[in-house]
Amino acid sequence: MIMLRICFALILWGASVMGGSFEARAQAGYDRPGSDYTHFVVRSGDPAVCAARCERDGRCRGWAFSYPTGAPAQCWLKSKVTARVESLSSVSGVRGAGVIEPRQGKVEFSIERYGDDYRSFDLPTEPAGAACAAACEGEKNCRAWTYARPGYGSRTARCYLKERIPAPRRSPCCISGVVR
């Protein structure tokens, strides 16, 4: 009987955690400061590594990933789900959510369209590559674009405008899109 009560209490606690006020998915452009119990370098620069490590660690309730902006990419595992705060170079989430990149129309998150560049230039850091997309839309010859986050081959964010539409490749470095 006691064991049944304990199981029921655990089920209720789990339902309250899952139905809490936080959104149960990873969010690009947000950090979750505080309640860190460990952190590590993510050599691949992929936030999915951080989410997967949280899944395998029974103590982990949330995580925050920092893109490599002047330092290697980092993952912080959290003992509690903390409130999110805006941070352009971060992705954060809660256990059980994985990494779900936002969908914004024709924008392709974690996609690189390699090659066929006719022009490239540095840009300020931003979470969705909007300035790069706008630059492509403003040029007659541009068919596609790729925004490379800082820390992936360059210290600054970089926009690549394409004269053709290269095939998409999954890569945490980049955000891409097709215009024409």
C-alpha atoms as a PDB file:
ATOM      1  CA  MET A   1       0.000   0.000   0.000  1.00  0.00           C
ATOM      2  CA  ILE A   2       2.824   2.399   0.856  1.00  0.00           C
ATOM      3  CA  MET A   3       4.534   1.557  -2.432  1.00  0.00           C
ATOM      4  CA  LEU A   4       1.313   2.338  -4.318  1.00  0.00           C
ATOM      5  CA  ARG A   5       1.073   5.759  -2.598  1.00  0.00           C
ATOM      6  CA  ILE A   6       4.694   6.536  -3.462  1.00  0.00           C
ATOM      7  CA  CYS A   7       4.112   5.599  -7.121  1.00  0.00           C
ATOM      8  CA  PHE A   8       0.975   7.753  -7.240  1.00  0.00           C
ATOM      9  CA  ALA A   9       2.834  10.699  -5.679  1.00  0.00           C
ATOM     10  CA  LEU A  10       5.612  10.346  -8.247  1.00  0.00           C
ATOM     11  CA  ILE A  11       3.096  10.295 -11.094  1.00  0.00           C
ATOM     12  CA  LEU A  12       1.417  13.462  -9.784  1.00  0.00           C
ATOM     13  CA  TRP A  13       4.780  15.178  -9.321  1.00  0.00           C
ATOM     14  CA  GLY A  14       5.822  14.230 -12.878  1.00  0.00           C
ATOM     15  CA  ALA A  15       2.556  15.563 -14.302  1.00  0.00           C
ATOM     16  CA  SER A  16       2.997  18.855 -12.456  1.00  0.00           C
ATOM     17  CA  VAL A  17       6.552  19.241 -13.759  1.00  0.00           C
ATOM     18  CA  MET A  18       5.520  18.471 -17.346  1.00  0.00           C
ATOM     19  CA  GLY A  19       2.523  20.783 -17.151  1.00  0.00           C
ATOM     20  CA  GLY A  20       4.450  23.600 -15.475  1.00  0.00           C
ATOM     21  CA  SER A  21       4.795  27.154 -16.694  1.00  0.00           C
ATOM     22  CA  PHE A  22       7.904  26.513 -18.829  1.00  0.00           C
ATOM     23  CA  GLU A  23       7.682  25.561 -22.486  1.00  0.00           C
ATOM     24  CA  ALA A  24       8.825  21.973 -22.999  1.00  0.00           C
ATOM     25  CA  ARG A  25      11.057  22.453 -26.025  1.00  0.00           C
ATOM     26  CA  ALA A  26      14.448  23.887 -26.830  1.00  0.00           C
ATOM     27  CA  GLN A  27      14.481  27.535 -27.731  1.00  0.00           C
ATOM     28  CA  ALA A  28      17.049  29.235 -29.945  1.00  0.00           C
ATOM     29  CA  GLY A  29      18.037  32.717 -28.776  1.00  0.00           C
ATOM     30  CA  TYR A  30      17.518  32.007 -25.051  1.00  0.00           C
ATOM     31  CA  ASP A  31      19.700  31.073 -22.073  1.00  0.00           C
ATOM     32  CA  ARG A  32      18.566  29.573 -18.755  1.00  0.00           C
ATOM     33  CA  PRO A  33      21.009  31.015 -16.183  1.00  0.00           C
ATOM     34  CA  GLY A  34      21.567  29.396 -12.796  1.00  0.00           C
ATOM     35  CA  SER A  35      21.244  25.928 -11.221  1.00  0.00           C
ATOM     36  CA  ASP A  36      24.310  24.625 -13.122  1.00  0.00           C
ATOM     37  CA  TYR A  37      25.821  21.475 -11.705  1.00  0.00           C
ATOM     38  CA  THR A  38      28.272  20.754 -14.534  1.00  0.00           C
ATOM     39  CA  HIS A  39      29.424  22.111 -17.869  1.00  0.00           C
ATOM     40  CA  PHE A  40      31.585  20.885 -20.730  1.00  0.00           C
ATOM     41  CA  VAL A  41      32.962  21.865 -24.136  1.00  0.00           C
ATOM     42  CA  VAL A  42      30.956  20.669 -27.155  1.00  0.00           C
ATOM     43  CA  ARG A  43      33.616  20.135 -29.805  1.00  0.00           C
ATOM     44  CA  SER A  44      31.106  19.611 -32.629  1.00  0.00           C
ATOM     45  CA  GLY A  45      29.362  22.915 -31.822  1.00  0.00           C
ATOM     46  CA  ASP A  46      25.982  21.153 -32.017  1.00  0.00           C
ATOM     47  CA  PRO A  47      23.346  21.951 -29.349  1.00  0.00           C
ATOM     48  CA  ALA A  48      21.798  18.495 -29.888  1.00  0.00           C
ATOM     49  CA  VAL A  49      24.833  17.054 -28.043  1.00  0.00           C
ATOM     50  CA  CYS A  50      23.890  19.125 -24.996  1.00  0.00           C
ATOM     51  CA  ALA A  51      20.238  18.042 -25.109  1.00  0.00           C
ATOM     52  CA  ALA A  52      21.249  14.374 -25.489  1.00  0.00           C
ATOM     53  CA  ARG A  53      23.626  14.543 -22.504  1.00  0.00           C
ATOM     54  CA  CYS A  54      20.797  15.971 -20.381  1.00  0.00           C
ATOM     55  CA  GLU A  55      18.567  13.065 -21.451  1.00  0.00           C
ATOM     56  CA  ARG A  56      21.146  10.509 -20.292  1.00  0.00           C
ATOM     57  CA  ASP A  57      21.770  12.197 -16.913  1.00  0.00           C
ATOM     58  CA  GLY A  58      19.105  11.461 -14.273  1.00  0.00           C
ATOM     59  CA  ARG A  59      19.980  14.624 -12.339  1.00  0.00           C
ATOM     60  CA  CYS A  60      19.452  16.928 -15.332  1.00  0.00           C
ATOM     61  CA  ARG A  61      16.226  18.951 -15.555  1.00  0.00           C
ATOM     62  CA  GLY A  62      17.300  21.607 -18.072  1.00  0.00           C
ATOM     63  CA  TRP A  63      20.259  22.713 -20.158  1.00  0.00           C
ATOM     64  CA  ALA A  64      21.807  25.712 -21.860  1.00  0.00           C
ATOM     65  CA  PHE A  65      24.142  25.718 -24.858  1.00  0.00           C
ATOM     66  CA  SER A  66      26.377  28.590 -25.916  1.00  0.00           C
ATOM     67  CA  TYR A  67      27.490  28.822 -29.552  1.00  0.00           C
ATOM     68  CA  PRO A  68      31.262  29.274 -30.025  1.00  0.00           C
ATOM     69  CA  THR A  69      31.649  33.068 -30.046  1.00  0.00           C
ATOM     70  CA  GLY A  70      35.357  33.567 -29.328  1.00  0.00           C
ATOM     71  CA  ALA A  71      35.459  30.503 -27.044  1.00  0.00           C
ATOM     72  CA  PRO A  72      34.538  26.872 -27.716  1.00  0.00           C
ATOM     73  CA  ALA A  73      30.858  25.900 -27.652  1.00  0.00           C
ATOM     74  CA  GLN A  74      29.745  25.077 -24.096  1.00  0.00           C
ATOM     75  CA  CYS A  75      26.930  23.081 -22.492  1.00  0.00           C
ATOM     76  CA  TRP A  76      25.611  23.683 -18.970  1.00  0.00           C
ATOM     77  CA  LEU A  77      23.421  21.044 -17.328  1.00  0.00           C
ATOM     78  CA  LYS A  78      20.869  22.298 -14.777  1.00  0.00           C
ATOM     79  CA  SER A  79      19.474  20.687 -11.640  1.00  0.00           C
ATOM     80  CA  LYS A  80      16.327  22.834 -11.986  1.00  0.00           C
ATOM     81  CA  VAL A  81      14.422  24.348 -14.887  1.00  0.00           C
ATOM     82  CA  THR A  82      15.248  28.037 -14.615  1.00  0.00           C
ATOM     83  CA  ALA A  83      13.516  30.965 -16.293  1.00  0.00           C
ATOM     84  CA  ARG A  84      14.723  31.764 -19.787  1.00  0.00           C
ATOM     85  CA  VAL A  85      16.355  35.060 -20.729  1.00  0.00           C
ATOM     86  CA  GLU A  86      17.099  36.336 -24.211  1.00  0.00           C
ATOM     87  CA  SER A  87      20.632  35.571 -25.424  1.00  0.00           C
ATOM     88  CA  LEU A  88      21.408  35.709 -29.128  1.00  0.00           C
ATOM     89  CA  SER A  89      24.246  33.180 -28.942  1.00  0.00           C
ATOM     90  CA  SER A  90      22.432  30.511 -26.899  1.00  0.00           C
ATOM     91  CA  VAL A  91      19.960  27.667 -27.136  1.00  0.00           C
ATOM     92  CA  SER A  92      18.338  26.214 -24.032  1.00  0.00           C
ATOM     93  CA  GLY A  93      15.745  23.645 -23.133  1.00  0.00           C
ATOM     94  CA  VAL A  94      14.325  21.197 -20.664  1.00  0.00           C
ATOM     95  CA  ARG A  95      14.812  17.477 -20.328  1.00  0.00           C
ATOM     96  CA  GLY A  96      12.621  15.521 -22.720  1.00  0.00           C
ATOM     97  CA  ALA A  97      12.409  18.241 -25.335  1.00  0.00           C
ATOM     98  CA  GLY A  98      15.457  17.675 -27.540  1.00  0.00           C
ATOM     99  CA  VAL A  99      16.391  20.486 -29.917  1.00  0.00           C
ATOM    100  CA  ILE A 100      13.496  21.776 -31.954  1.00  0.00           C
ATOM    101  CA  GLU A 101      14.699  24.609 -34.118  1.00  0.00           C
ATOM    102  CA  PRO A 102      12.155  27.352 -34.705  1.00  0.00           C
ATOM    103  CA  ARG A 103      10.374  27.463 -38.040  1.00  0.00           C
ATOM    104  CA  GLN A 104       9.965  30.891 -39.560  1.00  0.00           C
ATOM    105  CA  GLY A 105       8.620  30.640 -43.070  1.00  0.00           C
ATOM    106  CA  LYS A 106      11.392  29.823 -45.522  1.00  0.00           C
ATOM    107  CA  VAL A 107      14.171  29.988 -42.907  1.00  0.00           C
ATOM    108  CA  GLU A 108      16.122  26.715 -42.491  1.00  0.00           C
ATOM    109  CA  PHE A 109      17.741  26.400 -39.042  1.00  0.00           C
ATOM    110  CA  SER A 110      20.862  24.229 -38.674  1.00  0.00           C
ATOM    111  CA  ILE A 111      21.114  23.980 -42.458  1.00  0.00           C
ATOM    112  CA  GLU A 112      24.116  24.987 -44.542  1.00  0.00           C
ATOM    113  CA  ARG A 113      23.861  25.472 -48.289  1.00  0.00           C
ATOM    114  CA  TYR A 114      27.520  25.102 -49.220  1.00  0.00           C
ATOM    115  CA  GLY A 115      28.984  26.566 -52.417  1.00  0.00           C
ATOM    116  CA  ASP A 116      27.798  28.735 -55.304  1.00  0.00           C
ATOM    117  CA  ASP A 117      28.659  31.956 -53.384  1.00  0.00           C
ATOM    118  CA  TYR A 118      28.963  35.110 -55.424  1.00  0.00           C
ATOM    119  CA  ARG A 119      29.370  37.450 -52.449  1.00  0.00           C
ATOM    120  CA  SER A 120      29.921  37.249 -48.672  1.00  0.00           C
ATOM    121  CA  PHE A 121      30.174  39.788 -45.864  1.00  0.00           C
ATOM    122  CA  ASP A 122      30.233  40.096 -42.057  1.00  0.00           C
ATOM    123  CA  LEU A 123      27.039  40.774 -40.092  1.00  0.00           C
ATOM    124  CA  PRO A 124      26.099  41.398 -36.463  1.00  0.00           C
ATOM    125  CA  THR A 125      25.130  38.269 -34.494  1.00  0.00           C
ATOM    126  CA  GLU A 126      21.420  37.477 -34.553  1.00  0.00           C
ATOM    127  CA  PRO A 127      19.337  34.361 -33.841  1.00  0.00           C
ATOM    128  CA  ALA A 128      17.579  33.977 -37.219  1.00  0.00           C
ATOM    129  CA  GLY A 129      19.812  35.411 -39.981  1.00  0.00           C
ATOM    130  CA  ALA A 130      17.185  37.997 -40.960  1.00  0.00           C
ATOM    131  CA  ALA A 131      19.687  40.565 -42.301  1.00  0.00           C
ATOM    132  CA  CYS A 132      21.275  37.938 -44.533  1.00  0.00           C
ATOM    133  CA  ALA A 133      17.862  36.885 -45.872  1.00  0.00           C
ATOM    134  CA  ALA A 134      16.965  40.528 -46.524  1.00  0.00           C
ATOM    135  CA  ALA A 135      20.243  41.098 -48.385  1.00  0.00           C
ATOM    136  CA  CYS A 136      19.502  38.137 -50.645  1.00  0.00           C
ATOM    137  CA  GLU A 137      15.961  39.262 -51.319  1.00  0.00           C
ATOM    138  CA  GLY A 138      17.289  42.698 -52.266  1.00  0.00           C
ATOM    139  CA  GLU A 139      19.626  41.396 -54.967  1.00  0.00           C
ATOM    140  CA  LYS A 140      18.410  40.269 -58.373  1.00  0.00           C
ATOM    141  CA  ASN A 141      21.014  37.484 -58.792  1.00  0.00           C
ATOM    142  CA  CYS A 142      20.554  35.922 -55.360  1.00  0.00           C
ATOM    143  CA  ARG A 143      18.730  32.576 -55.280  1.00  0.00           C
ATOM    144  CA  ALA A 144      19.683  31.359 -51.775  1.00  0.00           C
ATOM    145  CA  TRP A 145      21.639  32.443 -48.698  1.00  0.00           C
ATOM    146  CA  THR A 146      23.495  31.034 -45.707  1.00  0.00           C
ATOM    147  CA  TYR A 147      24.110  32.864 -42.429  1.00  0.00           C
ATOM    148  CA  ALA A 148      27.121  31.364 -40.588  1.00  0.00           C
ATOM    149  CA  ARG A 149      27.046  31.941 -36.834  1.00  0.00           C
ATOM    150  CA  PRO A 150      30.209  33.395 -35.266  1.00  0.00           C
ATOM    151  CA  GLY A 151      32.730  30.836 -34.058  1.00  0.00           C
ATOM    152  CA  TYR A 152      32.273  28.439 -36.964  1.00  0.00           C
ATOM    153  CA  GLY A 153      35.283  29.353 -39.082  1.00  0.00           C
ATOM    154  CA  SER A 154      35.111  33.078 -38.334  1.00  0.00           C
ATOM    155  CA  ARG A 155      35.009  35.263 -35.219  1.00  0.00           C
ATOM    156  CA  THR A 156      32.070  37.185 -36.663  1.00  0.00           C
ATOM    157  CA  ALA A 157      28.760  36.188 -38.215  1.00  0.00           C
ATOM    158  CA  ARG A 158      28.985  35.952 -42.001  1.00  0.00           C
ATOM    159  CA  CYS A 159      26.419  36.040 -44.797  1.00  0.00           C
ATOM    160  CA  TYR A 160      26.906  34.083 -48.033  1.00  0.00           C
ATOM    161  CA  LEU A 161      24.759  34.965 -51.036  1.00  0.00           C
ATOM    162  CA  LYS A 162      24.288  32.219 -53.648  1.00  0.00           C
ATOM    163  CA  GLU A 163      23.787  32.466 -57.402  1.00  0.00           C
ATOM    164  CA  ARG A 164      22.355  28.917 -57.495  1.00  0.00           C
ATOM    165  CA  ILE A 165      20.491  26.796 -54.945  1.00  0.00           C
ATOM    166  CA  PRO A 166      22.951  24.328 -53.393  1.00  0.00           C
ATOM    167  CA  ALA A 167      21.672  21.197 -51.667  1.00  0.00           C
ATOM    168  CA  PRO A 168      20.898  21.593 -47.936  1.00  0.00           C
ATOM    169  CA  ARG A 169      23.232  19.930 -45.391  1.00  0.00           C
ATOM    170  CA  ARG A 170      22.528  19.679 -41.665  1.00  0.00           C
ATOM    171  CA  SER A 171      25.055  21.764 -39.724  1.00  0.00           C
ATOM    172  CA  PRO A 172      24.712  23.645 -36.408  1.00  0.00           C
ATOM    173  CA  CYS A 173      26.854  26.443 -37.854  1.00  0.00           C
ATOM    174  CA  CYS A 174      24.284  27.896 -40.110  1.00  0.00           C
ATOM    175  CA  ILE A 175      20.854  29.213 -40.961  1.00  0.00           C
ATOM    176  CA  SER A 176      19.859  29.225 -44.636  1.00  0.00           C
ATOM    177  CA  GLY A 177      17.032  29.961 -47.005  1.00  0.00           C
ATOM    178  CA  VAL A 178      15.929  29.921 -50.626  1.00  0.00           C
ATOM    179  CA  VAL A 179      14.597  33.119 -52.167  1.00  0.00           C
ATOM    180  CA  ARG A 180      13.991  32.403 -55.853  1.00  0.00           C
END
